[in-house]
Amino acid sequence: FRRIEEEVVRKVSGESGSVIATGGGAVLSGANRAALRRNGRVYWLDRPLADLPREGRPLSKDLGRLYEERRPLYGETADARIDASRGVLPAARAILEEFHAHTGA
């Protein structure tokens, strides 16, 4: 799975005007981190551990460990951290505001 993910991220990150929504483990690959940063803005949708869904997720028993392991990588990769604890619409607004502030568009 991770190899295919790398191929897709590499390919799509080279296209202009794309939005790439990755899974939480995409940052584990240095190639993915570099590809994501190459051609645009990277947003970290940050939510408290207690708010993350666990049902039906095979890795949920290790979620606390994964959360702590990945947080530094999210911070290293992201251009901006977005507080996603208040829901989808406030997070989307925050992304648009940051994007417009950064690009002037």
N, C-alpha and C. Protein backbone atom coordinates (compact mmCIF):
# COMPACT_ATOMS: atom_id res chain seq x y z
N PHE A 1 0.82 -1.21 0.00
CA PHE A 1 0.00 0.00 0.00
C PHE A 1 0.86 1.26 0.00
N ARG A 2 1.87 1.30 0.85
CA ARG A 2 2.70 2.52 0.95
C ARG A 2 3.45 2.80 -0.35
N ARG A 3 3.87 1.76 -1.05
CA ARG A 3 4.58 1.95 -2.33
C ARG A 3 3.65 2.58 -3.36
N ILE A 4 2.43 2.08 -3.43
CA ILE A 4 1.44 2.64 -4.36
C ILE A 4 1.11 4.08 -3.97
N GLU A 5 0.98 4.32 -2.67
CA GLU A 5 0.71 5.67 -2.18
C GLU A 5 1.82 6.63 -2.63
N GLU A 6 3.07 6.21 -2.51
CA GLU A 6 4.20 7.04 -2.95
C GLU A 6 4.11 7.36 -4.43
N GLU A 7 3.79 6.36 -5.24
CA GLU A 7 3.68 6.57 -6.68
C GLU A 7 2.60 7.59 -7.01
N VAL A 8 1.46 7.45 -6.37
CA VAL A 8 0.33 8.35 -6.63
C VAL A 8 0.67 9.77 -6.16
N VAL A 9 1.22 9.90 -4.96
CA VAL A 9 1.58 11.23 -4.45
C VAL A 9 2.60 11.88 -5.37
N ARG A 10 3.60 11.14 -5.80
CA ARG A 10 4.63 11.67 -6.70
C ARG A 10 4.01 12.17 -8.00
N LYS A 11 3.13 11.36 -8.58
CA LYS A 11 2.51 11.73 -9.85
C LYS A 11 1.59 12.94 -9.70
N VAL A 12 0.69 12.90 -8.75
CA VAL A 12 -0.30 13.97 -8.61
C VAL A 12 0.34 15.26 -8.12
N SER A 13 1.37 15.17 -7.31
CA SER A 13 2.00 16.39 -6.79
C SER A 13 2.68 17.20 -7.89
N GLY A 14 2.93 16.59 -9.02
CA GLY A 14 3.53 17.30 -10.14
C GLY A 14 2.53 18.06 -10.98
N GLU A 15 1.24 17.86 -10.72
CA GLU A 15 0.19 18.52 -11.48
C GLU A 15 -0.23 19.81 -10.79
N SER A 16 -0.42 20.84 -11.56
CA SER A 16 -0.84 22.12 -11.02
C SER A 16 -2.34 22.11 -10.75
N GLY A 17 -2.75 22.78 -9.68
CA GLY A 17 -4.17 22.93 -9.38
C GLY A 17 -4.80 21.73 -8.72
N SER A 18 -4.01 20.81 -8.22
CA SER A 18 -4.54 19.59 -7.60
C SER A 18 -4.68 19.75 -6.10
N VAL A 19 -5.66 19.08 -5.55
CA VAL A 19 -5.80 18.95 -4.10
C VAL A 19 -5.56 17.49 -3.79
N ILE A 20 -4.62 17.23 -2.91
CA ILE A 20 -4.27 15.85 -2.54
C ILE A 20 -4.62 15.65 -1.08
N ALA A 21 -5.54 14.76 -0.82
CA ALA A 21 -5.91 14.41 0.56
C ALA A 21 -5.30 13.05 0.86
N THR A 22 -4.35 13.02 1.76
CA THR A 22 -3.66 11.77 2.07
C THR A 22 -4.18 11.17 3.37
N GLY A 23 -3.83 9.94 3.58
CA GLY A 23 -4.07 9.32 4.87
C GLY A 23 -3.00 9.79 5.85
N GLY A 24 -3.21 9.50 7.12
CA GLY A 24 -2.30 9.97 8.15
C GLY A 24 -0.89 9.42 8.06
N GLY A 25 -0.72 8.26 7.43
CA GLY A 25 0.59 7.65 7.34
C GLY A 25 1.43 8.12 6.17
N ALA A 26 0.88 8.96 5.32
CA ALA A 26 1.63 9.42 4.14
C ALA A 26 2.91 10.14 4.53
N VAL A 27 2.91 10.80 5.68
CA VAL A 27 4.10 11.57 6.11
C VAL A 27 5.25 10.68 6.56
N LEU A 28 5.01 9.39 6.71
CA LEU A 28 6.08 8.48 7.12
C LEU A 28 7.15 8.35 6.05
N SER A 29 6.79 8.63 4.82
CA SER A 29 7.72 8.53 3.70
C SER A 29 8.35 9.89 3.42
N GLY A 30 9.67 9.93 3.46
CA GLY A 30 10.37 11.16 3.12
C GLY A 30 10.09 11.59 1.69
N ALA A 31 9.93 10.62 0.79
CA ALA A 31 9.60 10.94 -0.61
C ALA A 31 8.25 11.62 -0.69
N ASN A 32 7.28 11.15 0.08
CA ASN A 32 5.96 11.78 0.09
C ASN A 32 6.04 13.20 0.64
N ARG A 33 6.77 13.38 1.74
CA ARG A 33 6.88 14.71 2.33
C ARG A 33 7.47 15.69 1.32
N ALA A 34 8.52 15.27 0.63
CA ALA A 34 9.16 16.15 -0.36
C ALA A 34 8.22 16.42 -1.54
N ALA A 35 7.54 15.39 -2.01
CA ALA A 35 6.64 15.56 -3.16
C ALA A 35 5.48 16.49 -2.81
N LEU A 36 4.92 16.34 -1.63
CA LEU A 36 3.79 17.18 -1.24
C LEU A 36 4.19 18.65 -1.16
N ARG A 37 5.39 18.92 -0.73
CA ARG A 37 5.85 20.31 -0.56
C ARG A 37 6.33 20.93 -1.88
N ARG A 38 6.57 20.11 -2.88
CA ARG A 38 7.19 20.58 -4.12
C ARG A 38 6.34 21.59 -4.89
N ASN A 39 5.04 21.42 -4.92
CA ASN A 39 4.24 22.19 -5.88
C ASN A 39 3.03 22.88 -5.26
N GLY A 40 3.07 23.15 -3.98
CA GLY A 40 1.90 23.82 -3.40
C GLY A 40 1.98 23.93 -1.90
N ARG A 41 0.85 24.21 -1.31
CA ARG A 41 0.72 24.38 0.14
C ARG A 41 0.30 23.06 0.77
N VAL A 42 0.83 22.78 1.95
CA VAL A 42 0.47 21.58 2.70
C VAL A 42 -0.21 22.03 3.98
N TYR A 43 -1.41 21.50 4.20
CA TYR A 43 -2.19 21.84 5.39
C TYR A 43 -2.32 20.62 6.29
N TRP A 44 -2.02 20.82 7.55
CA TRP A 44 -2.17 19.78 8.56
C TRP A 44 -3.50 20.03 9.26
N LEU A 45 -4.44 19.13 9.08
CA LEU A 45 -5.74 19.23 9.75
C LEU A 45 -5.59 18.57 11.10
N ASP A 46 -5.38 19.37 12.12
CA ASP A 46 -5.05 18.88 13.45
C ASP A 46 -6.31 18.74 14.30
N ARG A 47 -6.48 17.57 14.87
CA ARG A 47 -7.58 17.30 15.78
C ARG A 47 -7.03 16.62 17.02
N PRO A 48 -7.64 16.87 18.18
CA PRO A 48 -7.20 16.18 19.39
C PRO A 48 -7.37 14.67 19.25
N LEU A 49 -6.48 13.93 19.86
CA LEU A 49 -6.54 12.47 19.81
C LEU A 49 -7.91 11.94 20.21
N ALA A 50 -8.51 12.51 21.23
CA ALA A 50 -9.81 12.04 21.72
C ALA A 50 -10.92 12.21 20.68
N ASP A 51 -10.74 13.11 19.73
CA ASP A 51 -11.76 13.37 18.70
C ASP A 51 -11.63 12.47 17.47
N LEU A 52 -10.54 11.74 17.36
CA LEU A 52 -10.33 10.93 16.16
C LEU A 52 -11.20 9.68 16.19
N PRO A 53 -11.84 9.37 15.05
CA PRO A 53 -12.69 8.17 15.01
C PRO A 53 -11.85 6.90 15.13
N ARG A 54 -12.38 5.94 15.83
CA ARG A 54 -11.65 4.68 16.04
C ARG A 54 -12.40 3.48 15.46
N GLU A 55 -13.70 3.57 15.38
CA GLU A 55 -14.50 2.43 14.95
C GLU A 55 -14.20 2.08 13.49
N GLY A 56 -14.00 0.80 13.24
CA GLY A 56 -13.75 0.33 11.89
C GLY A 56 -12.38 0.67 11.34
N ARG A 57 -11.47 1.07 12.21
CA ARG A 57 -10.12 1.43 11.77
C ARG A 57 -9.14 0.40 12.34
N PRO A 58 -8.49 -0.36 11.47
CA PRO A 58 -7.62 -1.45 11.94
C PRO A 58 -6.49 -0.99 12.85
N LEU A 59 -5.99 0.21 12.67
CA LEU A 59 -4.85 0.67 13.47
C LEU A 59 -5.27 1.42 14.73
N SER A 60 -6.56 1.44 15.04
CA SER A 60 -7.04 2.27 16.14
C SER A 60 -6.51 1.85 17.51
N LYS A 61 -6.16 0.58 17.68
CA LYS A 61 -5.63 0.16 18.98
C LYS A 61 -4.28 0.81 19.27
N ASP A 62 -3.56 1.19 18.22
CA ASP A 62 -2.26 1.86 18.36
C ASP A 62 -2.36 3.36 18.07
N LEU A 63 -3.57 3.90 18.07
CA LEU A 63 -3.77 5.28 17.64
C LEU A 63 -2.97 6.28 18.47
N GLY A 64 -2.91 6.09 19.77
CA GLY A 64 -2.15 7.02 20.62
C GLY A 64 -0.69 7.06 20.24
N ARG A 65 -0.10 5.89 20.03
CA ARG A 65 1.32 5.81 19.64
C ARG A 65 1.53 6.44 18.27
N LEU A 66 0.64 6.10 17.31
CA LEU A 66 0.76 6.65 15.96
C LEU A 66 0.63 8.18 15.97
N TYR A 67 -0.30 8.66 16.77
CA TYR A 67 -0.54 10.11 16.88
C TYR A 67 0.72 10.82 17.34
N GLU A 68 1.34 10.33 18.39
CA GLU A 68 2.56 10.96 18.92
C GLU A 68 3.74 10.80 17.97
N GLU A 69 3.82 9.67 17.29
CA GLU A 69 4.91 9.41 16.35
C GLU A 69 4.83 10.32 15.13
N ARG A 70 3.61 10.58 14.67
CA ARG A 70 3.43 11.32 13.42
C ARG A 70 3.35 12.84 13.59
N ARG A 71 2.96 13.31 14.75
CA ARG A 71 2.78 14.76 14.95
C ARG A 71 4.01 15.58 14.53
N PRO A 72 5.22 15.18 14.92
CA PRO A 72 6.39 15.96 14.48
C PRO A 72 6.54 15.99 12.96
N LEU A 73 6.19 14.89 12.31
CA LEU A 73 6.30 14.84 10.84
C LEU A 73 5.25 15.74 10.19
N TYR A 74 4.04 15.77 10.77
CA TYR A 74 3.01 16.68 10.25
C TYR A 74 3.51 18.12 10.37
N GLY A 75 4.06 18.46 11.52
CA GLY A 75 4.55 19.82 11.73
C GLY A 75 5.68 20.19 10.79
N GLU A 76 6.56 19.23 10.55
CA GLU A 76 7.71 19.44 9.66
C GLU A 76 7.26 19.63 8.21
N THR A 77 6.21 18.94 7.82
CA THR A 77 5.76 18.92 6.43
C THR A 77 4.82 20.07 6.10
N ALA A 78 3.98 20.44 7.03
CA ALA A 78 2.91 21.40 6.76
C ALA A 78 3.41 22.84 6.65
N ASP A 79 2.79 23.56 5.74
CA ASP A 79 2.99 25.00 5.66
C ASP A 79 2.14 25.71 6.70
N ALA A 80 1.01 25.08 7.04
CA ALA A 80 0.11 25.67 8.03
C ALA A 80 -0.63 24.57 8.78
N ARG A 81 -0.79 24.78 10.06
CA ARG A 81 -1.57 23.87 10.91
C ARG A 81 -2.97 24.45 11.02
N ILE A 82 -3.97 23.63 10.71
CA ILE A 82 -5.36 24.05 10.75
C ILE A 82 -6.05 23.32 11.91
N ASP A 83 -6.67 24.08 12.79
CA ASP A 83 -7.43 23.49 13.89
C ASP A 83 -8.71 22.90 13.31
N ALA A 84 -8.78 21.59 13.27
CA ALA A 84 -9.94 20.90 12.70
C ALA A 84 -10.89 20.39 13.78
N SER A 85 -10.69 20.84 15.00
CA SER A 85 -11.51 20.34 16.11
C SER A 85 -12.93 20.90 16.10
N ARG A 86 -13.15 21.98 15.37
CA ARG A 86 -14.47 22.61 15.36
C ARG A 86 -15.34 22.15 14.20
N GLY A 87 -14.84 21.25 13.38
CA GLY A 87 -15.65 20.71 12.29
C GLY A 87 -15.11 21.06 10.91
N VAL A 88 -15.78 20.51 9.92
CA VAL A 88 -15.33 20.61 8.54
C VAL A 88 -15.41 22.04 8.00
N LEU A 89 -16.54 22.70 8.17
CA LEU A 89 -16.68 24.05 7.60
C LEU A 89 -15.70 25.06 8.19
N PRO A 90 -15.54 25.13 9.51
CA PRO A 90 -14.53 26.06 10.03
C PRO A 90 -13.11 25.73 9.54
N ALA A 91 -12.80 24.44 9.41
CA ALA A 91 -11.48 24.05 8.91
C ALA A 91 -11.31 24.48 7.45
N ALA A 92 -12.34 24.27 6.64
CA ALA A 92 -12.28 24.67 5.23
C ALA A 92 -12.12 26.18 5.11
N ARG A 93 -12.84 26.93 5.92
CA ARG A 93 -12.70 28.40 5.90
C ARG A 93 -11.28 28.82 6.28
N ALA A 94 -10.73 28.16 7.29
CA ALA A 94 -9.37 28.49 7.73
C ALA A 94 -8.35 28.21 6.62
N ILE A 95 -8.54 27.12 5.90
CA ILE A 95 -7.64 26.79 4.79
C ILE A 95 -7.75 27.87 3.71
N LEU A 96 -8.97 28.24 3.34
CA LEU A 96 -9.15 29.27 2.31
C LEU A 96 -8.54 30.60 2.73
N GLU A 97 -8.75 30.98 3.98
CA GLU A 97 -8.18 32.24 4.47
C GLU A 97 -6.66 32.22 4.42
N GLU A 98 -6.06 31.11 4.87
CA GLU A 98 -4.60 31.00 4.86
C GLU A 98 -4.08 30.99 3.43
N PHE A 99 -4.76 30.27 2.55
CA PHE A 99 -4.34 30.18 1.15
C PHE A 99 -4.37 31.57 0.50
N HIS A 100 -5.47 32.28 0.70
CA HIS A 100 -5.59 33.62 0.11
C HIS A 100 -4.57 34.58 0.70
N ALA A 101 -4.33 34.48 1.99
CA ALA A 101 -3.33 35.34 2.63
C ALA A 101 -1.93 35.05 2.09
N HIS A 102 -1.66 33.79 1.82
CA HIS A 102 -0.33 33.40 1.33
C HIS A 102 -0.14 33.76 -0.14
N THR A 103 -1.18 33.51 -0.95
CA THR A 103 -1.04 33.68 -2.40
C THR A 103 -1.47 35.06 -2.88
N GLY A 104 -2.25 35.76 -2.06
CA GLY A 104 -2.78 37.04 -2.50
C GLY A 104 -3.90 36.90 -3.51
N ALA A 105 -4.34 35.67 -3.73
CA ALA A 105 -5.41 35.42 -4.72
C ALA A 105 -6.78 35.59 -4.10
